[in-house]
N, C-alpha and C. Protein backbone atom coordinates (compact mmCIF):
# COMPACT_ATOMS: atom_id res chain seq x y z
N UNK A 1 29.93 7.50 -7.49
CA UNK A 1 29.61 7.98 -8.67
C UNK A 1 29.00 8.84 -9.05
N UNK A 2 29.33 9.37 -9.83
CA UNK A 2 28.37 11.49 -10.15
C UNK A 2 28.02 10.79 -11.71
N UNK A 3 27.19 12.09 -12.08
CA UNK A 3 26.78 11.77 -12.96
C UNK A 3 27.90 12.63 -14.03
N UNK A 4 27.45 12.58 -15.39
CA UNK A 4 28.39 13.26 -16.43
C UNK A 4 29.00 14.59 -15.70
N UNK A 5 28.34 15.38 -15.34
CA UNK A 5 28.76 16.67 -15.17
C UNK A 5 29.48 16.65 -13.43
N UNK A 6 29.08 15.89 -13.03
CA UNK A 6 29.61 15.72 -11.79
C UNK A 6 29.17 16.31 -10.33
N UNK A 7 27.98 17.08 -10.78
CA UNK A 7 27.29 17.76 -10.30
C UNK A 7 26.59 16.96 -8.66
N UNK A 8 25.79 16.49 -9.29
CA UNK A 8 24.81 15.42 -8.40
C UNK A 8 25.53 14.18 -8.34
N UNK A 9 25.02 13.47 -6.98
CA UNK A 9 25.58 11.83 -6.81
C UNK A 9 24.52 11.33 -7.76
N UNK A 10 25.43 10.18 -8.52
CA UNK A 10 24.16 9.34 -9.10
C UNK A 10 22.73 8.69 -8.36
N UNK A 11 22.05 8.32 -8.99
CA UNK A 11 21.03 8.13 -8.30
C UNK A 11 19.91 6.21 -8.91
N UNK A 12 19.85 5.71 -7.94
CA UNK A 12 18.98 4.12 -8.40
C UNK A 12 18.20 4.79 -9.45
N UNK A 13 17.88 3.18 -10.41
CA UNK A 13 17.11 3.42 -11.50
C UNK A 13 16.57 1.94 -10.91
N UNK A 14 14.96 1.99 -11.63
CA UNK A 14 14.34 0.95 -11.42
C UNK A 14 12.96 1.33 -10.83
N UNK A 15 12.04 0.13 -10.66
CA UNK A 15 10.92 0.19 -10.79
C UNK A 15 10.26 1.36 -9.46
N UNK A 16 10.87 0.98 -8.22
CA UNK A 16 10.55 1.49 -7.14
C UNK A 16 11.51 3.05 -7.09
N UNK A 17 11.97 3.44 -8.02
CA UNK A 17 12.73 4.61 -7.71
C UNK A 17 11.97 5.89 -7.61
N UNK A 18 11.40 6.62 -7.02
CA UNK A 18 10.64 7.85 -6.60
C UNK A 18 11.30 8.63 -7.60
N UNK A 19 10.15 9.67 -8.09
CA UNK A 19 10.34 10.52 -9.33
C UNK A 19 10.85 11.62 -8.50
N UNK A 20 11.50 12.66 -8.90
CA UNK A 20 12.15 13.95 -8.39
C UNK A 20 12.65 13.70 -6.79
N UNK A 21 13.24 12.44 -6.79
CA UNK A 21 13.99 12.11 -5.45
C UNK A 21 15.25 12.72 -5.33
N UNK A 22 15.57 13.60 -4.73
CA UNK A 22 17.16 14.36 -3.87
C UNK A 22 17.52 14.00 -2.98
N UNK A 23 18.60 14.34 -2.38
CA UNK A 23 19.56 14.47 -1.34
C UNK A 23 18.65 14.44 -0.15
N UNK A 24 17.72 15.29 -0.32
CA UNK A 24 16.99 15.68 1.01
C UNK A 24 16.21 15.02 1.18
N UNK A 25 15.71 14.72 2.62
CA UNK A 25 14.57 13.56 2.58
C UNK A 25 13.29 14.56 1.94
N UNK A 26 12.45 12.85 1.52
CA UNK A 26 11.22 13.63 0.43
C UNK A 26 10.22 13.83 1.59
N UNK A 27 10.31 13.34 3.02
CA UNK A 27 9.50 13.74 3.90
C UNK A 27 9.70 15.44 4.57
N UNK A 28 10.74 15.96 4.34
CA UNK A 28 10.44 17.18 4.82
C UNK A 28 10.46 18.27 3.48
N UNK A 29 10.01 19.91 4.65
CA UNK A 29 9.23 20.39 3.33
C UNK A 29 10.29 20.71 2.45
N UNK A 30 11.91 20.40 2.29
CA UNK A 30 12.18 20.98 1.55
C UNK A 30 12.20 19.61 0.15
N UNK A 31 12.22 18.82 0.58
CA UNK A 31 12.04 17.47 -0.14
C UNK A 31 11.10 17.85 -0.87
N UNK A 32 9.72 18.03 -0.48
CA UNK A 32 8.32 18.73 -1.00
C UNK A 32 8.84 19.53 -2.01
N UNK A 33 9.27 20.49 -1.51
CA UNK A 33 9.40 21.94 -2.83
C UNK A 33 10.54 20.98 -3.80
N UNK A 34 11.10 20.49 -3.94
CA UNK A 34 12.22 20.24 -4.66
C UNK A 34 11.23 19.26 -5.24
N UNK A 35 10.88 18.24 -5.44
CA UNK A 35 9.97 17.85 -5.75
C UNK A 35 8.93 18.23 -6.53
N UNK A 36 8.12 19.21 -6.03
CA UNK A 36 7.25 20.16 -7.31
C UNK A 36 7.78 21.04 -8.17
N UNK A 37 9.61 21.36 -7.74
CA UNK A 37 10.00 21.95 -8.86
C UNK A 37 10.26 21.05 -9.88
N UNK A 38 10.73 20.05 -9.54
CA UNK A 38 10.91 18.76 -10.65
C UNK A 38 9.39 18.50 -11.57
N UNK A 39 8.55 18.09 -10.97
CA UNK A 39 7.09 18.48 -11.49
C UNK A 39 6.77 19.42 -12.36
N UNK A 40 7.19 20.65 -12.08
CA UNK A 40 6.82 21.84 -12.87
C UNK A 40 7.92 22.21 -13.80
N UNK A 41 8.85 21.61 -13.76
CA UNK A 41 9.84 21.47 -14.64
C UNK A 41 9.81 21.07 -15.53
N UNK A 42 9.39 19.14 -15.44
CA UNK A 42 8.59 18.57 -16.66
C UNK A 42 7.50 18.76 -16.81
N UNK A 43 7.10 19.56 -16.77
CA UNK A 43 5.68 20.37 -17.65
C UNK A 43 4.23 19.64 -16.94
N UNK A 44 4.32 19.09 -16.15
CA UNK A 44 3.21 17.54 -15.38
C UNK A 44 2.46 18.72 -14.72
N UNK A 45 3.02 19.88 -13.92
CA UNK A 45 2.15 20.61 -13.18
C UNK A 45 1.44 19.43 -12.12
N UNK A 46 -0.19 19.83 -12.11
CA UNK A 46 -0.81 18.98 -11.44
C UNK A 46 -1.83 18.17 -12.17
N UNK A 47 -1.33 18.10 -13.46
CA UNK A 47 -2.05 16.76 -13.80
C UNK A 47 -1.36 15.39 -13.68
N UNK A 48 -2.23 14.44 -13.56
CA UNK A 48 -2.15 13.28 -13.15
C UNK A 48 -3.08 12.13 -14.33
N UNK A 49 -2.27 11.08 -14.87
CA UNK A 49 -2.66 10.04 -16.02
C UNK A 49 -2.67 10.78 -16.98
N UNK A 50 -3.44 10.31 -17.86
CA UNK A 50 -3.63 10.31 -19.52
C UNK A 50 -4.84 10.62 -19.94
N UNK A 51 -5.82 10.14 -18.79
CA UNK A 51 -7.34 10.71 -19.43
C UNK A 51 -7.91 9.18 -19.39
N UNK A 52 -9.10 9.15 -19.75
CA UNK A 52 -10.11 7.68 -19.14
C UNK A 52 -9.60 7.15 -20.65
N UNK A 53 -9.10 7.25 -21.91
CA UNK A 53 -8.47 6.04 -22.68
C UNK A 53 -7.43 5.33 -22.15
N UNK A 54 -6.43 6.51 -21.76
CA UNK A 54 -5.49 5.49 -21.52
C UNK A 54 -5.34 4.76 -19.96
N UNK A 55 -6.59 4.82 -19.20
CA UNK A 55 -6.97 4.15 -17.65
C UNK A 55 -6.65 2.66 -18.22
N UNK A 56 -7.14 2.00 -19.20
CA UNK A 56 -6.91 0.36 -19.35
C UNK A 56 -5.08 0.26 -19.57
N UNK A 57 -4.80 0.75 -20.22
CA UNK A 57 -3.25 0.28 -20.46
C UNK A 57 -2.59 0.65 -19.28
N UNK A 58 -2.61 1.47 -18.55
CA UNK A 58 -2.46 1.76 -17.24
C UNK A 58 -2.49 0.46 -16.08
N UNK A 59 -3.87 0.50 -16.16
CA UNK A 59 -3.73 -1.13 -15.43
C UNK A 59 -3.58 -2.35 -16.06
N UNK A 60 -3.70 -2.56 -17.06
CA UNK A 60 -2.62 -3.33 -17.60
C UNK A 60 -1.22 -3.60 -17.34
N UNK A 61 -0.52 -2.38 -17.01
CA UNK A 61 0.89 -2.12 -16.74
C UNK A 61 1.18 -2.37 -15.48
N UNK A 62 0.14 -2.00 -14.53
CA UNK A 62 0.14 -1.74 -13.09
C UNK A 62 -0.01 -3.25 -12.94
N UNK A 63 -0.70 -4.07 -13.58
CA UNK A 63 -0.97 -5.81 -13.08
C UNK A 63 0.15 -6.20 -13.33
N UNK A 64 0.86 -5.65 -14.74
CA UNK A 64 2.34 -6.77 -14.44
C UNK A 64 3.19 -6.81 -13.48
N UNK A 65 3.32 -5.86 -13.10
CA UNK A 65 4.09 -5.25 -11.72
C UNK A 65 3.55 -6.32 -10.73
N UNK A 66 2.46 -6.69 -10.49
CA UNK A 66 2.11 -7.33 -9.26
C UNK A 66 2.66 -8.60 -8.88
N UNK A 67 3.40 -9.11 -8.04
CA UNK A 67 3.70 -10.44 -7.88
C UNK A 67 2.94 -11.30 -7.15
N UNK A 68 2.12 -12.15 -7.88
CA UNK A 68 1.08 -13.11 -7.25
C UNK A 68 1.45 -14.32 -6.87
N UNK A 69 1.08 -14.63 -5.68
CA UNK A 69 1.51 -15.62 -5.04
C UNK A 69 1.56 -17.20 -5.89
N UNK A 70 2.40 -17.90 -4.98
CA UNK A 70 2.08 -19.22 -5.85
C UNK A 70 0.63 -20.07 -4.97
N UNK A 71 0.45 -20.95 -5.63
CA UNK A 71 -0.20 -21.82 -5.63
C UNK A 71 -0.39 -22.29 -4.05
N UNK A 72 0.67 -22.97 -3.52
CA UNK A 72 1.12 -23.14 -2.18
C UNK A 72 0.54 -21.92 -1.05
N UNK A 73 1.35 -20.96 -1.46
CA UNK A 73 1.22 -19.55 -0.37
C UNK A 73 -0.32 -19.40 -0.65
N UNK A 74 -1.28 -19.77 -1.59
CA UNK A 74 -2.86 -19.35 -1.15
C UNK A 74 -3.53 -20.35 -0.81
N UNK A 75 -2.80 -20.91 -0.55
CA UNK A 75 -3.28 -22.95 0.31
C UNK A 75 -3.47 -22.14 1.32
N UNK A 76 -1.91 -21.61 2.04
CA UNK A 76 -1.40 -21.49 3.34
C UNK A 76 -2.31 -20.12 3.65
N UNK A 77 -2.12 -19.35 2.70
CA UNK A 77 -3.24 -17.79 3.36
C UNK A 77 -4.27 -18.32 3.72
N UNK A 78 -5.00 -19.01 2.85
CA UNK A 78 -6.68 -19.36 3.04
C UNK A 78 -6.65 -20.29 4.81
N UNK A 79 -5.68 -21.31 4.74
CA UNK A 79 -5.80 -21.90 6.05
C UNK A 79 -5.79 -20.99 7.33
N UNK A 80 -5.05 -19.62 6.76
CA UNK A 80 -4.69 -18.83 7.98
C UNK A 80 -5.93 -17.95 8.12
N UNK A 81 -6.64 -17.78 7.34
CA UNK A 81 -7.96 -16.69 7.33
C UNK A 81 -9.04 -17.83 7.89
N UNK A 82 -8.65 -18.82 7.34
CA UNK A 82 -9.75 -20.04 8.73
C UNK A 82 -10.10 -20.07 9.41
N UNK A 83 -8.42 -20.29 10.12
CA UNK A 83 -8.29 -19.89 11.38
C UNK A 83 -8.54 -19.21 12.42
N UNK A 84 -8.29 -18.32 11.75
CA UNK A 84 -8.54 -16.83 12.02
C UNK A 84 -9.79 -16.36 12.45
N UNK A 85 -10.98 -16.85 11.28
CA UNK A 85 -12.56 -17.11 11.18
C UNK A 85 -12.78 -18.04 12.83
N UNK A 86 -12.38 -19.03 12.67
CA UNK A 86 -12.78 -19.92 13.46
C UNK A 86 -12.36 -19.69 14.96
N UNK A 87 -11.35 -18.93 15.25
CA UNK A 87 -11.18 -18.23 16.45
C UNK A 87 -12.00 -17.36 16.98
N UNK A 88 -11.97 -16.22 16.05
CA UNK A 88 -12.62 -15.21 15.97
C UNK A 88 -14.23 -15.11 16.27
N UNK A 89 -14.76 -16.26 15.96
CA UNK A 89 -16.17 -16.62 15.86
C UNK A 89 -16.41 -17.80 17.04
N UNK A 90 -15.57 -18.27 17.67
CA UNK A 90 -15.57 -18.39 18.91
C UNK A 90 -15.76 -17.66 19.92
N UNK A 91 -14.36 -16.63 20.04
CA UNK A 91 -14.33 -15.23 20.67
C UNK A 91 -15.68 -14.77 20.79
N UNK A 92 -16.62 -14.21 19.94
CA UNK A 92 -17.56 -13.60 20.00
C UNK A 92 -18.85 -14.66 20.30
N UNK A 93 -18.81 -15.72 20.15
CA UNK A 93 -19.97 -16.78 20.52
C UNK A 93 -19.96 -16.82 21.93
N UNK A 94 -18.64 -17.24 22.67
CA UNK A 94 -18.22 -16.99 24.02
C UNK A 94 -18.35 -15.69 24.95
N UNK A 95 -18.53 -14.87 24.37
CA UNK A 95 -18.75 -13.46 25.17
C UNK A 95 -20.76 -13.38 24.85
N UNK A 96 -20.83 -13.48 23.98
CA UNK A 96 -22.28 -13.60 23.92
C UNK A 96 -22.95 -14.34 24.97
N UNK A 97 -22.23 -15.86 24.95
CA UNK A 97 -23.24 -16.91 25.58
C UNK A 97 -22.74 -16.23 27.37
N UNK A 98 -21.80 -15.57 27.63
CA UNK A 98 -21.66 -15.32 28.67
C UNK A 98 -22.36 -13.71 29.00
N UNK A 99 -22.36 -13.50 28.14
CA UNK A 99 -22.98 -11.90 28.24
C UNK A 99 -24.93 -12.32 28.73
N UNK A 100 -25.52 -13.40 28.07
CA UNK A 100 -26.56 -13.56 27.77
C UNK A 100 -26.96 -14.39 29.61
N UNK A 101 -26.19 -15.46 29.45
CA UNK A 101 -25.97 -16.36 31.10
C UNK A 101 -26.02 -15.19 32.12
N UNK A 102 -25.19 -13.92 32.09
CA UNK A 102 -25.24 -13.00 33.15
C UNK A 102 -26.41 -12.22 33.11
N UNK A 103 -27.01 -11.55 32.13
CA UNK A 103 -28.70 -11.51 31.63
C UNK A 103 -29.45 -11.47 32.69
N UNK A 104 -29.54 -13.22 31.68
CA UNK A 104 -30.37 -14.15 32.79
C UNK A 104 -30.23 -14.39 34.30
N UNK A 105 -29.15 -14.52 34.84
CA UNK A 105 -28.98 -14.48 36.19
C UNK A 105 -29.51 -13.17 36.79
N UNK A 106 -28.97 -11.99 36.26
CA UNK A 106 -29.58 -11.14 37.11
C UNK A 106 -31.02 -10.38 36.99
N UNK A 107 -31.46 -10.41 35.69
CA UNK A 107 -33.04 -10.31 35.75
C UNK A 107 -34.02 -11.71 35.92
N UNK A 108 -33.71 -12.76 35.56
CA UNK A 108 -34.97 -14.18 36.25
C UNK A 108 -34.48 -14.13 37.27
N UNK A 109 -35.36 -14.15 38.41
CA UNK A 109 -35.11 -14.94 39.65
C UNK A 109 -35.87 -15.55 40.66
């Protein structure tokens, strides 16, 4: 599918579309130059954002994009974190205990 002029292939639309995307890889030098040219053509230049007054609205807009975990997912994540903390605590305690025992055996005769 092409655009009305038939010059470039159609690009996907949606939240995750990169601005200034081109057929050239965006990781390459040519892709970065194309993105810079697109920014300058739009008149944005180096400006980012709309100033301090626009910040709260931008925060609300970004928060609406967040996919929040369900209660069940939060419960599972919490259990995973606690299990990891217990394992890590046991590991640190055991290394500390072995180091203390070794120092005691070496220094106390």
